[in-house]
Amino acid sequence: MNSKHKRTLEAIWADPVSATIVFADIEKLLVALGVTVKEGKGSGVKFYGPQGEYLSFHRPHPGKEAKPYQIRGFREYLIQLGHKQP
C-alpha cells in the first residue's frame, strides 16, 4: 500500500463522512488490498474480496466523488476484509 492509498484509507474513516473522496481512488485502494474489481452493466461495478466478500455500487456520475452512503458502505466492506478503523 502506497502513501496515496493510506491517505484514501484515512479519508474513508474520517468523521464526518467526506463527500470529496474520488471513487477511482477507493477502487485503487481496494485493488491494493487484494480485491478484484469486475465491471457490471452501465456504471455498475462489483468488488470481490479474497475470501468471497462482495460489494456492488454504481460509479458516481456526472461527478467523480463517492457519495456519503457509498463511503459508509466501503467502511463496512473494509471491516469485512479485516481492516479496522485506525
Protein backbone atom coordinates (compact mmCIF):
# COMPACT_ATOMS: atom_id res chain seq x y z
CA MET A 1 0.00 0.00 0.00
CA ASN A 2 1.49 3.34 -1.01
CA SER A 3 1.06 6.75 0.64
CA LYS A 4 -1.88 7.75 -1.60
CA HIS A 5 -3.70 4.56 -0.59
CA LYS A 6 -3.05 5.39 3.07
CA ARG A 7 -4.46 8.90 2.64
CA THR A 8 -7.55 7.48 0.93
CA LEU A 9 -8.00 4.97 3.76
CA GLU A 10 -7.71 7.75 6.36
CA ALA A 11 -10.27 9.83 4.44
CA ILE A 12 -12.72 6.91 4.38
CA TRP A 13 -12.56 6.62 8.18
CA ALA A 14 -12.77 10.39 8.81
CA ASP A 15 -15.81 11.76 10.63
CA PRO A 16 -17.95 13.37 9.43
CA VAL A 17 -18.16 11.35 6.22
CA SER A 18 -16.29 13.14 3.45
CA ALA A 19 -18.01 13.91 0.15
CA THR A 20 -14.74 14.69 -1.64
CA ILE A 21 -13.14 11.24 -1.99
CA VAL A 22 -12.71 10.26 -5.63
CA PHE A 23 -14.40 6.91 -6.32
CA ALA A 24 -11.48 5.78 -8.53
CA ASP A 25 -9.07 6.32 -5.61
CA ILE A 26 -11.19 3.97 -3.48
CA GLU A 27 -11.13 1.38 -6.27
CA LYS A 28 -7.32 1.61 -6.43
CA LEU A 29 -7.09 1.20 -2.66
CA LEU A 30 -9.26 -1.91 -2.73
CA VAL A 31 -7.17 -3.43 -5.54
CA ALA A 32 -4.05 -2.80 -3.43
CA LEU A 33 -5.79 -4.71 -0.61
CA GLY A 34 -6.34 -7.74 -2.86
CA VAL A 35 -9.89 -7.05 -4.02
CA THR A 36 -10.93 -7.96 -7.57
CA VAL A 37 -12.96 -5.35 -9.47
CA LYS A 38 -15.47 -6.53 -12.09
CA GLU A 39 -17.38 -4.23 -14.38
CA GLY A 40 -21.13 -4.54 -14.38
CA LYS A 41 -23.74 -3.07 -16.70
CA GLY A 42 -23.54 0.65 -17.30
CA SER A 43 -21.82 2.34 -14.38
CA GLY A 44 -22.10 -0.72 -12.12
CA VAL A 45 -19.02 -2.19 -10.51
CA LYS A 46 -18.61 -5.20 -8.23
CA PHE A 47 -15.87 -5.78 -5.70
CA TYR A 48 -14.87 -9.32 -4.68
CA GLY A 49 -12.65 -9.86 -1.65
CA PRO A 50 -10.13 -12.69 -1.28
CA GLN A 51 -12.47 -14.72 0.95
CA GLY A 52 -15.64 -14.11 -1.06
CA GLU A 53 -16.62 -10.75 0.45
CA TYR A 54 -18.83 -8.90 -2.03
CA LEU A 55 -19.85 -5.28 -2.60
CA SER A 56 -21.68 -3.66 -5.51
CA PHE A 57 -22.08 0.04 -6.36
CA HIS A 58 -22.68 2.29 -9.32
CA ARG A 59 -19.89 4.70 -10.09
CA PRO A 60 -21.00 8.26 -9.43
CA HIS A 61 -21.86 10.40 -12.41
CA PRO A 62 -21.66 13.07 -13.65
CA GLY A 63 -19.25 13.81 -10.76
CA LYS A 64 -16.33 11.62 -9.75
CA GLU A 65 -16.66 11.83 -5.95
CA ALA A 66 -18.14 8.94 -3.99
CA LYS A 67 -21.43 9.69 -2.24
CA PRO A 68 -21.51 9.60 1.59
CA TYR A 69 -23.65 6.41 1.60
CA GLN A 70 -21.01 4.76 -0.59
CA ILE A 71 -18.25 5.77 1.82
CA ARG A 72 -20.22 4.20 4.68
CA GLY A 73 -20.62 1.06 2.55
CA PHE A 74 -16.90 0.96 1.88
CA ARG A 75 -16.25 1.27 5.63
CA GLU A 76 -18.38 -1.81 6.28
CA TYR A 77 -16.66 -3.64 3.44
CA LEU A 78 -13.22 -2.81 4.85
CA ILE A 79 -14.33 -4.24 8.19
CA GLN A 80 -15.40 -7.44 6.38
CA LEU A 81 -11.94 -7.55 4.80
CA GLY A 82 -10.36 -7.30 8.25
CA HIS A 83 -9.29 -3.64 8.19
CA LYS A 84 -10.45 -1.89 11.33
CA GLN A 85 -10.69 1.84 11.83
CA PRO A 86 -7.25 3.24 12.71
